[in-house]
Protein backbone atom coordinates (compact mmCIF):
# COMPACT_ATOMS: atom_id res chain seq x y z
CA UNK A 1 279.54 -128.75 -93.50
CA UNK A 2 278.01 -131.91 -92.09
CA UNK A 3 278.29 -134.98 -94.37
CA UNK A 4 275.67 -137.73 -94.18
CA UNK A 5 276.70 -141.29 -94.95
CA UNK A 6 274.92 -142.80 -97.92
CA UNK A 7 273.97 -145.71 -95.67
CA UNK A 8 272.16 -143.45 -93.17
CA UNK A 9 270.29 -141.37 -95.70
CA UNK A 10 267.48 -143.88 -96.37
CA UNK A 11 266.95 -144.34 -92.63
CA UNK A 12 266.69 -140.59 -92.01
CA UNK A 13 264.17 -140.16 -94.82
CA UNK A 14 262.10 -143.02 -93.43
CA UNK A 15 262.09 -141.39 -89.98
CA UNK A 16 260.94 -138.12 -91.46
CA UNK A 17 258.08 -139.86 -93.22
CA UNK A 18 256.98 -142.28 -90.48
CA UNK A 19 258.10 -140.55 -87.30
CA UNK A 20 260.74 -143.21 -86.73
CA UNK A 21 258.08 -145.67 -85.64
CA UNK A 22 257.04 -143.64 -82.60
CA UNK A 23 253.39 -143.25 -81.54
CA UNK A 24 251.83 -140.17 -80.08
CA UNK A 25 251.47 -140.30 -76.33
CA UNK A 26 247.87 -140.19 -75.25
CA UNK A 27 246.81 -136.93 -73.59
CA UNK A 28 245.48 -137.08 -70.10
CA UNK A 29 241.74 -136.45 -70.05
CA UNK A 30 240.73 -133.84 -67.44
CA UNK A 31 237.18 -134.09 -66.16
CA UNK A 32 235.05 -131.08 -67.13
CA UNK A 33 232.62 -129.97 -64.40
CA UNK A 34 229.11 -129.32 -65.77
CA UNK A 35 227.75 -125.80 -65.29
CA UNK A 36 225.73 -125.33 -62.12
CA UNK A 37 222.04 -125.92 -62.52
CA UNK A 38 220.16 -122.65 -62.03
CA UNK A 39 216.66 -123.22 -60.87
CA UNK A 40 214.17 -120.94 -62.58
CA UNK A 41 212.83 -118.21 -60.34
CA UNK A 42 209.24 -118.93 -59.51
CA UNK A 43 207.08 -115.83 -59.83
CA UNK A 44 204.72 -115.44 -56.91
CA UNK A 45 201.24 -116.16 -58.02
CA UNK A 46 198.44 -113.77 -57.08
CA UNK A 47 196.16 -115.07 -54.38
CA UNK A 48 192.93 -116.32 -55.82
CA UNK A 49 190.22 -113.70 -55.78
CA UNK A 50 187.16 -114.66 -53.82
CA UNK A 51 184.12 -115.38 -55.85
CA UNK A 52 181.76 -112.49 -55.20
CA UNK A 53 178.08 -113.15 -55.36
CA UNK A 54 176.56 -111.90 -58.58
CA UNK A 55 174.69 -108.64 -58.55
CA UNK A 56 170.99 -109.27 -58.08
CA UNK A 57 169.11 -108.96 -61.32
CA UNK A 58 166.73 -106.02 -61.25
CA UNK A 59 163.30 -106.41 -62.67
CA UNK A 60 162.40 -104.15 -65.62
CA UNK A 61 159.87 -102.35 -63.41
CA UNK A 62 162.45 -101.62 -60.70
CA UNK A 63 164.98 -100.46 -63.29
CA UNK A 64 162.38 -98.08 -64.71
CA UNK A 65 161.56 -96.80 -61.22
CA UNK A 66 165.20 -96.14 -60.35
CA UNK A 67 165.67 -94.31 -63.63
CA UNK A 68 162.64 -92.14 -62.90
CA UNK A 69 163.95 -91.41 -59.39
CA UNK A 70 167.33 -90.34 -60.76
CA UNK A 71 165.59 -88.05 -63.24
CA UNK A 72 163.24 -86.68 -60.56
CA UNK A 73 160.19 -87.23 -62.75
CA UNK A 74 157.30 -87.38 -60.29
CA UNK A 75 154.76 -88.70 -62.80
CA UNK A 76 157.03 -91.55 -63.92
CA UNK A 77 157.91 -92.35 -60.31
CA UNK A 78 154.25 -92.61 -59.29
CA UNK A 79 153.31 -94.69 -62.32
CA UNK A 80 156.17 -97.22 -62.08
CA UNK A 81 155.92 -97.46 -58.28
CA UNK A 82 152.24 -98.31 -58.43
CA UNK A 83 152.91 -100.89 -61.15
CA UNK A 84 155.38 -102.62 -58.82
CA UNK A 85 153.01 -102.52 -55.85
CA UNK A 86 150.08 -103.82 -57.89
CA UNK A 87 152.23 -106.72 -59.09
CA UNK A 88 153.56 -107.75 -55.66
CA UNK A 89 152.70 -105.46 -52.71
CA UNK A 90 154.96 -107.39 -50.32
CA UNK A 91 157.92 -108.12 -52.58
CA UNK A 92 161.42 -106.68 -52.33
CA UNK A 93 160.77 -104.18 -55.12
CA UNK A 94 157.75 -102.88 -53.21
CA UNK A 95 160.08 -101.49 -50.51
CA UNK A 96 161.68 -99.15 -53.04
CA UNK A 97 158.29 -98.35 -54.54
CA UNK A 98 156.74 -97.29 -51.22
CA UNK A 99 159.86 -95.27 -50.35
CA UNK A 100 159.75 -93.52 -53.72
CA UNK A 101 156.09 -92.59 -53.22
CA UNK A 102 156.89 -91.30 -49.73
CA UNK A 103 159.68 -89.09 -51.08
CA UNK A 104 157.37 -87.74 -53.78
CA UNK A 105 154.69 -86.83 -51.24
CA UNK A 106 157.28 -85.24 -48.97
CA UNK A 107 158.59 -83.11 -51.84
CA UNK A 108 155.06 -81.82 -52.45
CA UNK A 109 154.59 -80.84 -48.80
CA UNK A 110 152.38 -83.79 -47.90
CA UNK A 111 154.28 -85.35 -44.98
CA UNK A 112 151.17 -87.05 -43.58
CA UNK A 113 150.62 -89.01 -46.79
CA UNK A 114 154.35 -89.63 -47.02
CA UNK A 115 154.28 -91.20 -43.56
CA UNK A 116 151.60 -93.67 -44.68
CA UNK A 117 153.81 -94.85 -47.53
CA UNK A 118 157.00 -95.05 -45.48
CA UNK A 119 155.18 -97.06 -42.80
CA UNK A 120 154.37 -99.64 -45.48
CA UNK A 121 158.01 -99.75 -46.51
CA UNK A 122 159.15 -100.09 -42.89
CA UNK A 123 156.80 -103.04 -42.37
CA UNK A 124 158.61 -104.88 -45.17
CA UNK A 125 162.18 -103.73 -44.41
CA UNK A 126 162.44 -102.22 -40.91
CA UNK A 127 166.28 -102.15 -41.00
CA UNK A 128 166.68 -100.64 -44.46
CA UNK A 129 168.85 -97.54 -43.94
CA UNK A 130 167.24 -95.57 -46.77
CA UNK A 131 163.74 -96.31 -45.51
CA UNK A 132 164.65 -95.25 -41.97
CA UNK A 133 166.34 -92.10 -43.28
CA UNK A 134 163.20 -91.04 -45.16
CA UNK A 135 161.23 -91.77 -41.98
CA UNK A 136 163.47 -89.24 -40.25
CA UNK A 137 162.92 -86.65 -42.98
CA UNK A 138 159.17 -87.04 -42.62
CA UNK A 139 159.35 -86.65 -38.85
CA UNK A 140 161.47 -83.51 -39.29
CA UNK A 141 158.95 -82.10 -41.77
CA UNK A 142 156.25 -82.67 -39.16
CA UNK A 143 158.35 -80.80 -36.54
CA UNK A 144 159.08 -84.01 -34.61
CA UNK A 145 162.82 -83.46 -34.40
CA UNK A 146 163.41 -85.79 -31.46
CA UNK A 147 161.78 -88.60 -33.44
CA UNK A 148 163.75 -87.55 -36.51
CA UNK A 149 167.05 -87.76 -34.60
CA UNK A 150 166.18 -91.29 -33.47
CA UNK A 151 165.56 -92.36 -37.06
CA UNK A 152 168.73 -90.66 -38.29
CA UNK A 153 170.81 -92.42 -35.65
CA UNK A 154 169.31 -95.77 -36.65
CA UNK A 155 169.99 -95.05 -40.33
CA UNK A 156 173.59 -93.99 -39.61
CA UNK A 157 174.22 -97.27 -37.77
CA UNK A 158 172.56 -99.32 -40.50
CA UNK A 159 174.75 -97.84 -43.24
CA UNK A 160 178.19 -96.82 -41.99
CA UNK A 161 179.31 -95.39 -45.35
CA UNK A 162 176.54 -92.94 -46.22
CA UNK A 163 176.84 -89.45 -44.71
CA UNK A 164 173.20 -88.41 -45.20
CA UNK A 165 171.95 -89.25 -41.70
CA UNK A 166 174.98 -87.61 -40.05
CA UNK A 167 174.41 -84.42 -42.06
CA UNK A 168 170.73 -84.29 -41.12
CA UNK A 169 171.48 -84.88 -37.44
CA UNK A 170 174.15 -82.17 -37.39
CA UNK A 171 171.71 -79.67 -38.89
CA UNK A 172 169.12 -80.39 -36.19
CA UNK A 173 171.67 -80.16 -33.39
CA UNK A 174 172.72 -76.77 -34.77
CA UNK A 175 169.14 -75.55 -34.39
CA UNK A 176 169.23 -76.89 -30.82
CA UNK A 177 172.54 -74.99 -30.30
CA UNK A 178 173.99 -78.28 -29.09
CA UNK A 179 177.41 -77.58 -30.60
CA UNK A 180 179.14 -80.61 -29.14
CA UNK A 181 176.74 -83.03 -30.81
CA UNK A 182 176.62 -80.94 -33.98
CA UNK A 183 180.41 -81.09 -34.24
CA UNK A 184 180.35 -84.82 -33.64
CA UNK A 185 177.73 -85.50 -36.31
CA UNK A 186 179.36 -83.16 -38.86
CA UNK A 187 182.67 -84.91 -38.24
CA UNK A 188 180.90 -88.22 -38.85
CA UNK A 189 179.67 -86.85 -42.19
CA UNK A 190 183.06 -85.57 -43.38
CA UNK A 191 184.82 -88.79 -42.38
CA UNK A 192 182.35 -90.90 -44.34
CA UNK A 193 182.22 -88.79 -47.50
CA UNK A 194 185.01 -86.18 -47.41
CA UNK A 195 184.30 -84.83 -50.92
CA UNK A 196 180.53 -84.58 -50.59
CA UNK A 197 179.44 -80.96 -50.88
CA UNK A 198 176.73 -80.89 -48.21
CA UNK A 199 179.05 -82.75 -45.82
CA UNK A 200 181.72 -80.06 -46.34
CA UNK A 201 179.15 -77.31 -45.86
CA UNK A 202 177.69 -78.69 -42.62
CA UNK A 203 181.18 -79.21 -41.22
CA UNK A 204 182.05 -75.60 -42.02
CA UNK A 205 178.81 -74.32 -40.48
CA UNK A 206 179.28 -76.24 -37.23
CA UNK A 207 182.88 -75.02 -36.92
CA UNK A 208 181.69 -71.46 -37.57
CA UNK A 209 179.01 -71.78 -34.88
CA UNK A 210 181.63 -73.19 -32.48
CA UNK A 211 183.84 -70.13 -33.21
CA UNK A 212 186.60 -72.26 -34.69
CA UNK A 213 187.00 -69.66 -37.38
CA UNK A 214 190.21 -70.74 -39.12
CA UNK A 215 189.00 -74.31 -39.47
CA UNK A 216 185.61 -73.08 -40.67
CA UNK A 217 187.27 -70.92 -43.33
CA UNK A 218 189.29 -73.94 -44.48
CA UNK A 219 186.13 -75.93 -45.09
CA UNK A 220 184.33 -73.02 -46.80
CA UNK A 221 187.34 -72.66 -49.11
CA UNK A 222 187.24 -76.40 -49.76
CA UNK A 223 183.58 -76.08 -50.74
CA UNK A 224 184.33 -73.27 -53.21
CA UNK A 225 187.25 -75.15 -54.75
CA UNK A 226 185.23 -78.35 -55.17
CA UNK A 227 182.74 -79.00 -57.92
CA UNK A 228 179.86 -77.81 -55.75
CA UNK A 229 176.86 -75.70 -56.59
CA UNK A 230 177.26 -71.99 -55.93
CA UNK A 231 176.05 -71.18 -52.42
CA UNK A 232 175.36 -67.63 -51.35
CA UNK A 233 175.44 -68.72 -47.70
CA UNK A 234 178.91 -70.26 -48.06
CA UNK A 235 180.33 -67.21 -49.81
CA UNK A 236 178.73 -64.75 -47.40
CA UNK A 237 180.05 -66.57 -44.33
CA UNK A 238 183.51 -66.93 -45.81
CA UNK A 239 183.61 -63.22 -46.64
CA UNK A 240 182.45 -62.34 -43.13
CA UNK A 241 185.05 -64.65 -41.58
CA UNK A 242 187.88 -62.98 -43.47
CA UNK A 243 186.50 -59.50 -42.80
CA UNK A 244 185.70 -59.81 -39.11
CA UNK A 245 187.61 -62.71 -37.57
CA UNK A 246 190.66 -63.43 -39.73
CA UNK A 247 191.63 -59.88 -40.71
CA UNK A 248 192.21 -60.85 -44.34
CA UNK A 249 190.85 -57.87 -46.28
CA UNK A 250 192.25 -59.14 -49.60
CA UNK A 251 190.35 -62.42 -49.42
CA UNK A 252 187.23 -60.66 -48.12
CA UNK A 253 187.43 -58.34 -51.13
CA UNK A 254 187.65 -61.33 -53.50
CA UNK A 255 184.72 -63.17 -51.97
CA UNK A 256 182.53 -60.06 -51.82
CA UNK A 257 183.35 -59.67 -55.51
CA UNK A 258 181.98 -63.16 -56.13
CA UNK A 259 178.82 -62.20 -54.23
CA UNK A 260 178.42 -59.04 -56.31
CA UNK A 261 178.60 -61.17 -59.46
CA UNK A 262 176.02 -63.53 -58.00
CA UNK A 263 173.73 -60.75 -56.73
CA UNK A 264 174.54 -57.57 -58.70
CA UNK A 265 171.37 -55.89 -57.41
CA UNK A 266 172.32 -56.25 -53.73
CA UNK A 267 173.75 -52.90 -52.51
CA UNK A 268 175.13 -54.41 -49.28
CA UNK A 269 177.49 -56.76 -51.15
CA UNK A 270 178.63 -53.93 -53.38
CA UNK A 271 179.31 -51.66 -50.41
CA UNK A 272 181.19 -54.38 -48.52
CA UNK A 273 183.28 -55.12 -51.60
CA UNK A 274 184.10 -51.46 -52.07
CA UNK A 275 185.14 -51.11 -48.41
CA UNK A 276 187.30 -54.27 -48.32
CA UNK A 277 188.88 -53.53 -51.68
CA UNK A 278 189.56 -49.89 -50.78
CA UNK A 279 187.54 -48.58 -53.68
C-alpha cells in the first residue's frame, strides 16, 4: 500500500483542484473552406412573340352578310348586300357584297346577271382569290371552260392554301380527258386540304380515270371513313373497283350492301350484292 507523506497531501489536493497551475494549450485553428458557390440555373426564356396586327373590325352590315351567306339564306343575302352597296358602293365591304350577289344569281341559274355583279367586284379587287374563283364558276356555267381554267389558275396562285380552284380545274380536265393535268390539279387539291371531302373525291376520280385502281380505292375508302356526306358515286365506283379490278368479292359485297341500303328500290344494286355475297 502506498503511503503519502502528510506534507505532500495538501500539495496533491491543490493540484487536483487547480490543475497544478497548468494552462490548457491552445488548439490549432484549421481554416474551413466555404462551400462552393452554385450559380442558379437560368431557365431559357421564350423568344418574344411578334405582335400580330389586330383582326380588322367588321362592320355590323358585313357581319350580317357573312352570317346570311353561311346560312345560305338568299333573301337575307340580297338585303344585306344591297344595304352595304347603297352605303358605300366602292368600299371594301362592297367587294364581298357584289360577290355574294353573284353567287346568289349563279345558284338560281342566272350566270349572265352573276357576271355583271362579279365584274363590279373584280373592278374593286382584281386579285381577290374568292372573286376570281367565282368568276371561274360563272364562266364554267356559261360553257366557257377555257376562260374558267384561266380564272381558276389565277385564284389558285392568289391563295395557296385553298383547294377550291384546284378541285374545279381537275374536274374540267377530267371532262377534257387530259389525265395528266387532272392528276396534277387533284394532287394540288389533296396537298392543300388533305381532309376536305371534295378534294378526296376528285383525287379518287382522277386516279380511277388514270387506271391507278389501288390508289383510287384507297382514296374512296378514305372518303367513306371520313365525316363526308354519303355519295352514291363514291360507293358505286368503290364497289366496281373491288368487283372488277381488285378481285375483292368480300369488300364488293359490303359496299353493294351499303348501296342497297341507300337505294333499296334499285334492282341492279341488289343483284350485284347477291352475286358478290354468294346469296
